[in-house]
Amino acid sequence: MDRTASRPARRRPLLAEPDFLRLWTAGAFAATARWLEMLAVGIFVFEVTGSAPLVAGMLMLRMLPLGLFGVFGGEIASRFNRKVLLLAMLAGSSVVSATVATLAHLGQLAVWHVGLAAFVAGLAWVFDFPVRRTLLADVVGRARLGPAMSLDTVASSGTRMVGPLLGGALYAFAGMSGAFLLTACAYGLAFVVLLGLPSVAAHSQAAAGRVFERIVGGLRDLRRQPVLQGVLAVTVVFNVWGFPVMSMVPVIGADKLGLPPFEIGVLASMEGLGSLLGALTLAAFARRRQYRFLYFSGVLLFLACAAVFAHSVLPALTGALLLVLGVSMAAFAAMQSVLVMQYAAADSRQRMMGLLSACIGSGPIGLVHLGLMAAWFGASAACTIVAVEGLLALGFVVFKWRALVRRQPR
C-alpha cells in the first residue's frame, strides 16, 4: 500500500470515516436503549414494591453477566466474527425489550420478568468492550485512540441525558409498555446501522490455544504492567463503590424529593448532561499525558460528590450535584478504555478488554452492599457510607500503584 496516499484519510475527522461512524452511531442507539430501560425499570420496581434494595438488585442483575462472563468476552470476540456477534447481541436485546413491552401492555408484567430481562440485557453488554470498542480501536489506529474514545463517550454521555428523559416521559404517559417499545426500536436501529459495516472491519483469526490457557496468559501479561493493574483496580473501585450510587436516583427522586416519573427522568438526565459536557471538553482539549490524571481525578471527584448528593432536599441542588457527577464520570469512562488499550500489547488487547469487562462486572458486589445499607439505614445514608468506603479504597489503590498518579512525560 502507498503510505503517502493513505495519509489524507488518516487526517480526516473521525466522524467522516464511514466505519467509525457506523460503530459510533450503533453504540449511541444501544446506549440510549440501555439508559432508558434502566430508569424505567427503577421507577417500575420502586412503584410496585417500595423497596430500594430491589431497585439496586435490578441493576445488579444487569451487571452480573459482566462479572461472570466478562473475562471470556475477549476470547469469544477473537474466535468469531465480531460484526456477527454485535448483530446477534442487538437482535436479542430488541426481542427481549419487545417481550417486556408486550407483557406490560397485557398487564402481565411482574418484577421477576423485569429481573430476567435485565440479566439477559447484561449478557449482551458483555460484548461491548471486547467487540465494539476494540473494533473502534482497529478502525482509528493507536494514534487517534484518545479522540475516538472521547467521541464514543460523547455518544454514551448524550444518551445518558436523552435516555432518562425519554424513559421518564414515556413511563409517565405510556407506562412500561411505551418505554420498552422505544427500547426495542432503538436496538433495532442500531442493528440496521451495523448491517452496512464492511467485512474489512471483521475479526482476525485467534491464535491457537485453549481458552483458559489464553486467559491465564493474559493475566501473566497483566503482572508485567503495574500501571495497567492500577487502571483495572480503579475500575473495580468505581464499579463497587461509585456507580451503584446512581441506582438510587429513582428512589431519592420519588421518596426524598417527592417527584413524579417525568421529573425523576429530568433529574436523572442531569448526570447525562454533565457527562456530555465533560466528554465534549475531553474530546477537544485532553492530551495523552493527562489521561492517567483525568482517569484518577474523575473517580475521586465522583466519590466525593456521591457522598453528599443524596442528602439534598432541593431538586435544583440535587440536579447540580448530579451534573458534577456526570462530568467526573466522563473523565473516568473516556480514559479507562484508552488506558487499557494504550498499555496493552496489540496482540492482547481483546483479552485485556475482556478483563476490563470483568472488572466492570464487580458492580453487583457493590449493589448488594448498597442494597443492604439502604435497607438498614435508608437510601441517603447508604449512598454516603458507600462513597466514603470508596474514597478509602481509592486511597489504598494510590498507595499500592503509585505509578498511576505519577506525572506522565510530554
Protein backbone atom coordinates (compact mmCIF):
# COMPACT_ATOMS: atom_id res chain seq x y z
CA MET A 1 0.00 0.00 0.00
CA ASP A 2 1.22 3.55 -0.74
CA ARG A 3 1.68 5.16 2.67
CA THR A 4 1.70 8.65 1.19
CA ALA A 5 -1.68 8.07 -0.39
CA SER A 6 -3.17 6.91 2.89
CA ARG A 7 -2.19 9.99 4.90
CA PRO A 8 -5.14 12.23 3.95
CA ALA A 9 -7.57 9.50 5.04
CA ARG A 10 -5.92 9.32 8.43
CA ARG A 11 -6.26 13.09 8.85
CA ARG A 12 -9.98 13.12 8.12
CA PRO A 13 -12.31 13.84 11.03
CA LEU A 14 -13.24 10.60 12.76
CA LEU A 15 -16.95 11.08 12.15
CA ALA A 16 -16.23 11.42 8.42
CA GLU A 17 -14.93 7.84 8.32
CA PRO A 18 -17.84 5.50 7.46
CA ASP A 19 -16.73 2.51 9.58
CA PHE A 20 -16.16 4.64 12.66
CA LEU A 21 -19.46 6.48 12.12
CA ARG A 22 -21.41 3.21 11.88
CA LEU A 23 -19.89 1.80 15.06
CA TRP A 24 -20.30 5.12 16.88
CA THR A 25 -23.95 5.54 15.81
CA ALA A 26 -24.85 1.96 16.68
CA GLY A 27 -23.27 2.43 20.10
CA ALA A 28 -25.32 5.61 20.60
CA PHE A 29 -28.62 3.88 19.77
CA ALA A 30 -27.80 0.92 22.02
CA ALA A 31 -26.73 3.18 24.88
CA THR A 32 -29.96 5.21 24.59
CA ALA A 33 -31.91 1.98 24.97
CA ARG A 34 -29.75 0.91 27.93
CA TRP A 35 -30.19 4.11 29.97
CA LEU A 36 -33.88 4.43 29.09
CA GLU A 37 -34.68 0.93 30.29
CA MET A 38 -32.57 1.26 33.45
CA LEU A 39 -34.54 4.31 34.59
CA ALA A 40 -37.90 2.79 33.63
CA VAL A 41 -37.06 -0.41 35.50
CA GLY A 42 -36.04 1.54 38.61
CA ILE A 43 -39.30 3.52 38.63
CA PHE A 44 -41.42 0.42 37.96
CA VAL A 45 -39.82 -1.72 40.67
CA PHE A 46 -39.99 1.04 43.30
CA GLU A 47 -43.66 1.75 42.45
CA VAL A 48 -44.58 -1.94 42.70
CA THR A 49 -42.50 -2.92 45.73
CA GLY A 50 -41.43 0.29 47.50
CA SER A 51 -38.08 -1.42 48.07
CA ALA A 52 -34.80 0.44 47.48
CA PRO A 53 -32.77 -2.82 47.77
CA LEU A 54 -34.85 -4.36 44.96
CA VAL A 55 -34.19 -1.32 42.76
CA ALA A 56 -30.46 -1.81 43.34
CA GLY A 57 -30.98 -5.53 42.68
CA MET A 58 -32.26 -4.84 39.16
CA LEU A 59 -29.04 -3.02 38.28
CA MET A 60 -27.11 -5.83 39.95
CA LEU A 61 -28.77 -8.39 37.67
CA ARG A 62 -27.87 -6.24 34.67
CA MET A 63 -24.20 -6.09 35.66
CA LEU A 64 -23.87 -9.66 36.93
CA PRO A 65 -23.06 -11.17 33.49
CA LEU A 66 -20.07 -8.84 33.20
CA GLY A 67 -18.63 -10.30 36.37
CA LEU A 68 -19.47 -13.89 35.46
CA PHE A 69 -18.55 -13.90 31.78
CA GLY A 70 -16.68 -10.66 31.04
CA VAL A 71 -13.28 -12.33 31.11
CA PHE A 72 -14.46 -14.69 28.34
CA GLY A 73 -15.78 -11.87 26.16
CA GLY A 74 -12.37 -11.10 24.69
CA GLU A 75 -11.75 -14.75 23.84
CA ILE A 76 -15.16 -15.11 22.18
CA ALA A 77 -14.53 -11.91 20.24
CA SER A 78 -11.18 -13.23 19.00
CA ARG A 79 -12.65 -16.53 17.74
CA PHE A 80 -15.83 -15.38 16.00
CA ASN A 81 -16.82 -12.70 13.52
CA ARG A 82 -17.23 -9.58 15.63
CA LYS A 83 -19.77 -8.00 13.31
CA VAL A 84 -21.98 -11.09 13.59
CA LEU A 85 -21.60 -11.05 17.39
CA LEU A 86 -22.70 -7.41 17.56
CA LEU A 87 -25.68 -8.03 15.30
CA ALA A 88 -26.75 -11.05 17.37
CA MET A 89 -26.41 -9.02 20.57
CA LEU A 90 -28.59 -6.20 19.22
CA ALA A 91 -31.22 -8.52 17.75
CA GLY A 92 -31.54 -10.45 21.01
CA SER A 93 -31.79 -7.24 23.04
CA SER A 94 -34.53 -5.92 20.77
CA VAL A 95 -36.55 -9.14 21.12
CA VAL A 96 -36.24 -9.10 24.92
CA SER A 97 -37.35 -5.46 25.13
CA ALA A 98 -40.30 -6.11 22.84
CA THR A 99 -41.32 -9.04 25.05
CA VAL A 100 -41.27 -6.85 28.17
CA ALA A 101 -43.31 -4.19 26.35
CA THR A 102 -45.89 -6.80 25.32
CA LEU A 103 -46.21 -8.22 28.85
CA ALA A 104 -46.64 -4.69 30.24
CA HIS A 105 -49.30 -3.87 27.64
CA LEU A 106 -51.21 -7.03 28.56
CA GLY A 107 -50.97 -6.22 32.28
CA GLN A 108 -48.97 -9.38 32.95
CA LEU A 109 -45.57 -7.85 33.75
CA ALA A 110 -44.09 -8.95 37.09
CA VAL A 111 -40.90 -7.92 38.88
CA TRP A 112 -39.28 -11.27 38.12
CA HIS A 113 -39.88 -10.71 34.40
CA VAL A 114 -38.05 -7.40 34.65
CA GLY A 115 -35.19 -9.03 36.58
CA LEU A 116 -34.80 -11.77 33.98
CA ALA A 117 -34.82 -9.21 31.17
CA ALA A 118 -32.16 -7.18 33.00
CA PHE A 119 -29.92 -10.25 33.24
CA VAL A 120 -30.34 -11.06 29.53
CA ALA A 121 -29.57 -7.42 28.63
CA GLY A 122 -26.43 -7.74 30.75
CA LEU A 123 -25.35 -10.75 28.69
CA ALA A 124 -25.40 -8.53 25.60
CA TRP A 125 -23.43 -5.84 27.46
CA VAL A 126 -20.57 -8.32 27.98
CA PHE A 127 -19.51 -7.84 24.36
CA ASP A 128 -19.50 -4.04 24.15
CA PHE A 129 -15.90 -3.57 25.35
CA PRO A 130 -14.11 -6.53 23.72
CA VAL A 131 -16.11 -6.31 20.49
CA ARG A 132 -17.45 -2.87 19.57
CA ARG A 133 -14.79 -0.77 21.29
CA THR A 134 -11.99 -2.98 20.01
CA LEU A 135 -13.40 -2.56 16.51
CA LEU A 136 -13.35 1.21 17.06
CA ALA A 137 -9.68 0.99 18.02
CA ASP A 138 -8.95 -1.12 14.92
CA VAL A 139 -10.65 1.45 12.69
CA VAL A 140 -8.87 4.56 14.02
CA GLY A 141 -5.43 3.20 14.99
CA ARG A 142 -3.43 3.76 18.17
CA ALA A 143 -2.52 7.39 17.35
CA ARG A 144 -6.16 8.55 17.44
CA LEU A 145 -7.33 6.26 20.22
CA GLY A 146 -7.87 9.09 22.72
CA PRO A 147 -10.08 11.26 20.50
CA ALA A 148 -12.00 8.16 19.31
CA MET A 149 -12.84 7.02 22.84
CA SER A 150 -13.68 10.58 23.87
CA LEU A 151 -16.14 10.78 20.96
CA ASP A 152 -17.58 7.41 21.97
CA THR A 153 -18.00 8.79 25.49
CA VAL A 154 -19.73 11.86 23.99
CA ALA A 155 -22.30 9.50 22.46
CA SER A 156 -22.67 7.50 25.67
CA SER A 157 -22.95 10.68 27.73
CA GLY A 158 -25.51 12.25 25.44
CA THR A 159 -27.61 9.12 25.63
CA ARG A 160 -27.38 9.16 29.43
CA MET A 161 -29.15 12.50 29.19
CA VAL A 162 -31.63 11.60 26.43
CA GLY A 163 -32.36 8.07 27.72
CA PRO A 164 -33.65 9.07 31.17
CA LEU A 165 -35.64 11.98 29.70
CA LEU A 166 -37.34 9.64 27.24
CA GLY A 167 -37.73 6.97 29.91
CA GLY A 168 -39.36 9.34 32.40
CA ALA A 169 -41.64 10.90 29.79
CA LEU A 170 -42.73 7.61 28.25
CA TYR A 171 -43.24 5.99 31.64
CA ALA A 172 -45.41 8.93 32.71
CA PHE A 173 -47.58 8.82 29.57
CA ALA A 174 -47.38 5.22 28.32
CA GLY A 175 -46.05 3.16 31.22
CA MET A 176 -43.55 0.33 30.90
CA SER A 177 -45.02 -0.79 27.57
CA GLY A 178 -44.20 2.55 25.91
CA ALA A 179 -40.73 2.79 27.45
CA PHE A 180 -39.70 -0.71 26.40
CA LEU A 181 -41.26 -0.42 22.96
CA LEU A 182 -38.94 2.52 22.27
CA THR A 183 -36.06 0.50 23.72
CA ALA A 184 -36.76 -2.32 21.25
CA CYS A 185 -36.84 0.20 18.39
CA ALA A 186 -33.51 1.74 19.46
CA TYR A 187 -31.81 -1.66 19.48
CA GLY A 188 -33.38 -2.35 16.08
CA LEU A 189 -32.00 0.89 14.63
CA ALA A 190 -28.51 0.00 15.91
CA PHE A 191 -28.87 -3.38 14.16
CA VAL A 192 -29.78 -1.72 10.86
CA VAL A 193 -26.86 0.73 11.08
CA LEU A 194 -24.35 -2.07 11.64
CA LEU A 195 -25.59 -4.06 8.64
CA GLY A 196 -23.55 -1.67 6.49
CA LEU A 197 -20.28 -2.37 8.32
CA PRO A 198 -17.96 -3.88 5.69
CA SER A 199 -16.01 -7.07 6.08
CA VAL A 200 -12.74 -5.11 6.34
CA ALA A 201 -13.62 -4.42 9.98
CA ALA A 202 -14.34 -8.07 10.77
CA HIS A 203 -12.45 -10.17 13.24
CA SER A 204 -8.94 -11.53 12.89
CA GLN A 205 -8.41 -15.22 13.47
CA ALA A 206 -7.40 -16.04 17.04
CA ALA A 207 -4.17 -17.83 17.67
CA ALA A 208 -4.45 -21.47 18.52
CA GLY A 209 -4.74 -22.38 22.17
CA ARG A 210 -7.26 -23.29 24.76
CA VAL A 211 -9.44 -20.54 26.15
CA PHE A 212 -8.35 -20.92 29.77
CA GLU A 213 -4.68 -21.08 28.79
CA ARG A 214 -5.03 -17.82 26.86
CA ILE A 215 -6.83 -16.15 29.75
CA VAL A 216 -4.05 -17.25 32.11
CA GLY A 217 -1.57 -15.89 29.59
CA GLY A 218 -3.40 -12.56 29.66
CA LEU A 219 -3.15 -12.49 33.46
CA ARG A 220 0.59 -13.15 33.17
CA ASP A 221 0.85 -10.20 30.77
CA LEU A 222 -1.01 -8.09 33.30
CA ARG A 223 1.53 -8.91 36.02
CA ARG A 224 4.20 -7.16 33.94
CA GLN A 225 2.13 -3.97 33.63
CA PRO A 226 1.81 -2.23 37.03
CA VAL A 227 0.12 0.85 35.58
CA LEU A 228 -2.45 -1.36 33.84
CA GLN A 229 -3.03 -3.17 37.13
CA GLY A 230 -3.74 0.20 38.75
CA VAL A 231 -6.13 1.18 35.95
CA LEU A 232 -8.14 -2.02 36.45
CA ALA A 233 -8.06 -1.57 40.24
CA VAL A 234 -9.56 1.94 39.89
CA THR A 235 -12.25 0.43 37.63
CA VAL A 236 -13.13 -2.02 40.40
CA VAL A 237 -13.27 0.80 42.97
CA PHE A 238 -15.62 2.84 40.80
CA ASN A 239 -17.93 -0.06 40.00
CA VAL A 240 -18.11 -1.38 43.57
CA TRP A 241 -18.41 1.95 45.43
CA GLY A 242 -19.23 4.60 42.82
CA PHE A 243 -21.59 3.57 40.03
CA PRO A 244 -24.05 1.70 42.33
CA VAL A 245 -24.97 5.07 43.87
CA MET A 246 -26.66 6.01 40.59
CA SER A 247 -29.20 3.22 41.10
CA MET A 248 -30.64 5.26 43.97
CA VAL A 249 -31.60 8.27 41.81
CA PRO A 250 -35.19 6.99 41.20
CA VAL A 251 -35.51 6.25 44.93
CA ILE A 252 -34.14 9.65 46.01
CA GLY A 253 -36.35 11.40 43.45
CA ALA A 254 -39.54 9.62 44.49
CA ASP A 255 -39.03 9.12 48.22
CA LYS A 256 -36.95 12.10 49.37
CA LEU A 257 -37.89 14.78 46.82
CA GLY A 258 -41.46 13.58 46.09
CA LEU A 259 -41.10 13.87 42.31
CA PRO A 260 -43.36 12.14 39.73
CA PRO A 261 -41.82 9.93 36.95
CA PHE A 262 -41.24 12.68 34.37
CA GLU A 263 -39.44 14.93 36.85
CA ILE A 264 -37.36 11.95 38.02
CA GLY A 265 -36.32 11.47 34.40
CA VAL A 266 -35.31 15.13 34.17
CA LEU A 267 -33.32 14.79 37.42
CA ALA A 268 -31.54 11.66 36.19
CA SER A 269 -30.76 13.32 32.87
CA MET A 270 -28.63 15.95 34.65
CA GLU A 271 -25.92 13.33 35.19
CA GLY A 272 -26.02 12.63 31.46
CA LEU A 273 -25.82 16.36 30.66
CA GLY A 274 -22.75 16.73 32.86
CA SER A 275 -21.19 13.69 31.28
CA LEU A 276 -21.88 15.07 27.80
CA LEU A 277 -20.27 18.40 28.62
CA GLY A 278 -17.29 16.65 30.16
CA ALA A 279 -16.87 14.31 27.20
CA LEU A 280 -17.03 17.19 24.69
CA THR A 281 -14.36 19.03 26.66
CA LEU A 282 -12.17 15.93 26.77
CA ALA A 283 -12.54 15.32 23.04
CA ALA A 284 -11.44 18.89 22.32
CA PHE A 285 -8.69 19.51 24.88
CA ALA A 286 -7.44 16.30 26.56
CA ARG A 287 -3.82 15.39 25.81
CA ARG A 288 -2.20 12.00 26.10
CA ARG A 289 -0.01 12.99 29.05
CA GLN A 290 -3.15 13.91 31.02
CA TYR A 291 -5.01 10.62 30.59
CA ARG A 292 -4.00 8.95 33.86
CA PHE A 293 -4.61 12.14 35.88
CA LEU A 294 -8.07 12.61 34.34
CA TYR A 295 -8.94 8.99 34.99
CA PHE A 296 -7.98 9.03 38.66
CA SER A 297 -9.31 12.53 39.47
CA GLY A 298 -12.63 11.69 37.78
CA VAL A 299 -13.22 8.83 40.21
CA LEU A 300 -12.05 10.93 43.17
CA LEU A 301 -14.47 13.76 42.34
CA PHE A 302 -17.34 11.34 41.69
CA LEU A 303 -16.99 9.64 45.07
CA ALA A 304 -16.68 12.98 46.90
CA CYS A 305 -19.90 14.29 45.32
CA ALA A 306 -21.71 10.95 45.74
CA ALA A 307 -21.15 11.20 49.49
CA VAL A 308 -23.36 14.30 49.72
CA PHE A 309 -25.80 14.39 46.77
CA ALA A 310 -28.43 12.09 48.34
CA HIS A 311 -28.91 14.42 51.34
CA SER A 312 -30.15 17.42 49.37
CA VAL A 313 -33.83 18.27 49.84
CA LEU A 314 -33.83 20.73 46.91
CA PRO A 315 -34.32 19.26 43.41
CA ALA A 316 -32.18 22.04 41.87
CA LEU A 317 -29.24 21.31 44.18
CA THR A 318 -29.58 17.57 43.64
CA GLY A 319 -29.58 18.18 39.89
CA ALA A 320 -26.45 20.37 40.15
CA LEU A 321 -24.62 17.67 42.09
CA LEU A 322 -25.68 15.07 39.52
CA LEU A 323 -24.28 17.39 36.84
CA VAL A 324 -20.88 17.31 38.60
CA LEU A 325 -21.15 13.54 38.96
CA GLY A 326 -21.66 13.35 35.21
CA VAL A 327 -18.59 15.47 34.43
CA SER A 328 -16.42 13.27 36.64
CA MET A 329 -17.89 10.08 35.17
CA ALA A 330 -17.00 11.31 31.68
CA ALA A 331 -13.33 11.57 32.64
CA PHE A 332 -13.41 8.05 34.05
CA ALA A 333 -15.39 6.46 31.21
CA ALA A 334 -13.40 8.01 28.37
CA MET A 335 -10.00 7.27 29.84
CA GLN A 336 -10.45 3.69 31.07
CA SER A 337 -10.69 2.13 27.60
CA VAL A 338 -7.95 4.40 26.25
CA LEU A 339 -5.53 3.48 29.04
CA VAL A 340 -6.22 -0.25 28.78
CA MET A 341 -5.64 -0.29 25.02
CA GLN A 342 -2.70 2.09 25.33
CA TYR A 343 -0.78 -0.12 27.80
CA ALA A 344 -1.87 -3.50 26.43
CA ALA A 345 0.18 -5.15 23.69
CA ALA A 346 -1.56 -5.21 20.30
CA ASP A 347 -1.99 -8.99 20.38
CA SER A 348 -3.58 -8.97 23.86
CA ARG A 349 -5.99 -6.02 23.52
CA GLN A 350 -9.11 -8.15 23.32
CA ARG A 351 -8.08 -10.20 26.37
CA MET A 352 -7.36 -7.03 28.35
CA MET A 353 -10.68 -5.53 27.29
CA GLY A 354 -12.28 -8.76 28.44
CA LEU A 355 -10.55 -8.32 31.81
CA LEU A 356 -11.84 -4.75 31.87
CA SER A 357 -15.38 -6.07 31.33
CA ALA A 358 -14.85 -8.48 34.23
CA CYS A 359 -13.68 -5.61 36.46
CA ILE A 360 -16.76 -3.60 35.49
CA GLY A 361 -18.72 -6.73 36.38
CA SER A 362 -17.62 -6.32 40.01
CA GLY A 363 -20.51 -3.85 40.25
CA PRO A 364 -23.01 -6.43 41.61
CA ILE A 365 -20.88 -6.73 44.76
CA GLY A 366 -21.33 -3.02 45.33
CA LEU A 367 -25.02 -3.14 44.51
CA VAL A 368 -25.63 -5.90 47.05
CA HIS A 369 -23.69 -3.88 49.62
CA LEU A 370 -25.59 -0.69 48.77
CA GLY A 371 -28.92 -2.53 48.91
CA LEU A 372 -28.15 -3.84 52.40
CA MET A 373 -27.06 -0.38 53.58
CA ALA A 374 -30.26 1.12 52.14
CA ALA A 375 -32.39 -1.50 53.91
CA TRP A 376 -30.67 -0.83 57.24
CA PHE A 377 -30.04 2.94 57.15
CA GLY A 378 -32.12 4.36 54.30
CA ALA A 379 -31.09 5.34 50.75
CA SER A 380 -29.45 8.68 51.61
CA ALA A 381 -27.24 7.34 54.39
CA ALA A 382 -26.37 4.29 52.29
CA CYS A 383 -25.03 6.48 49.47
CA THR A 384 -22.78 8.35 51.90
CA ILE A 385 -21.47 5.19 53.58
CA VAL A 386 -20.67 3.52 50.27
CA ALA A 387 -18.99 6.64 48.79
CA VAL A 388 -16.76 7.14 51.87
CA GLU A 389 -15.73 3.48 51.68
CA GLY A 390 -14.87 4.08 48.04
CA LEU A 391 -12.64 7.04 48.90
CA LEU A 392 -10.74 4.85 51.36
CA ALA A 393 -10.38 2.09 48.73
CA LEU A 394 -9.14 4.63 46.19
CA GLY A 395 -6.52 5.79 48.68
CA PHE A 396 -5.30 2.20 49.01
CA VAL A 397 -5.04 1.88 45.21
CA VAL A 398 -2.87 5.01 45.06
CA PHE A 399 -0.63 3.64 47.81
CA LYS A 400 -0.32 0.27 46.05
CA TRP A 401 0.13 1.53 42.47
CA ARG A 402 1.82 4.91 42.82
CA ALA A 403 2.87 4.90 39.17
CA LEU A 404 -0.78 5.50 38.31
CA VAL A 405 -0.65 9.09 39.57
CA ARG A 406 2.91 9.98 38.58
CA ARG A 407 3.36 12.75 36.05
CA GLN A 408 3.45 11.41 32.51
CA PRO A 409 6.10 12.58 30.05
CA ARG A 410 5.08 15.04 27.37
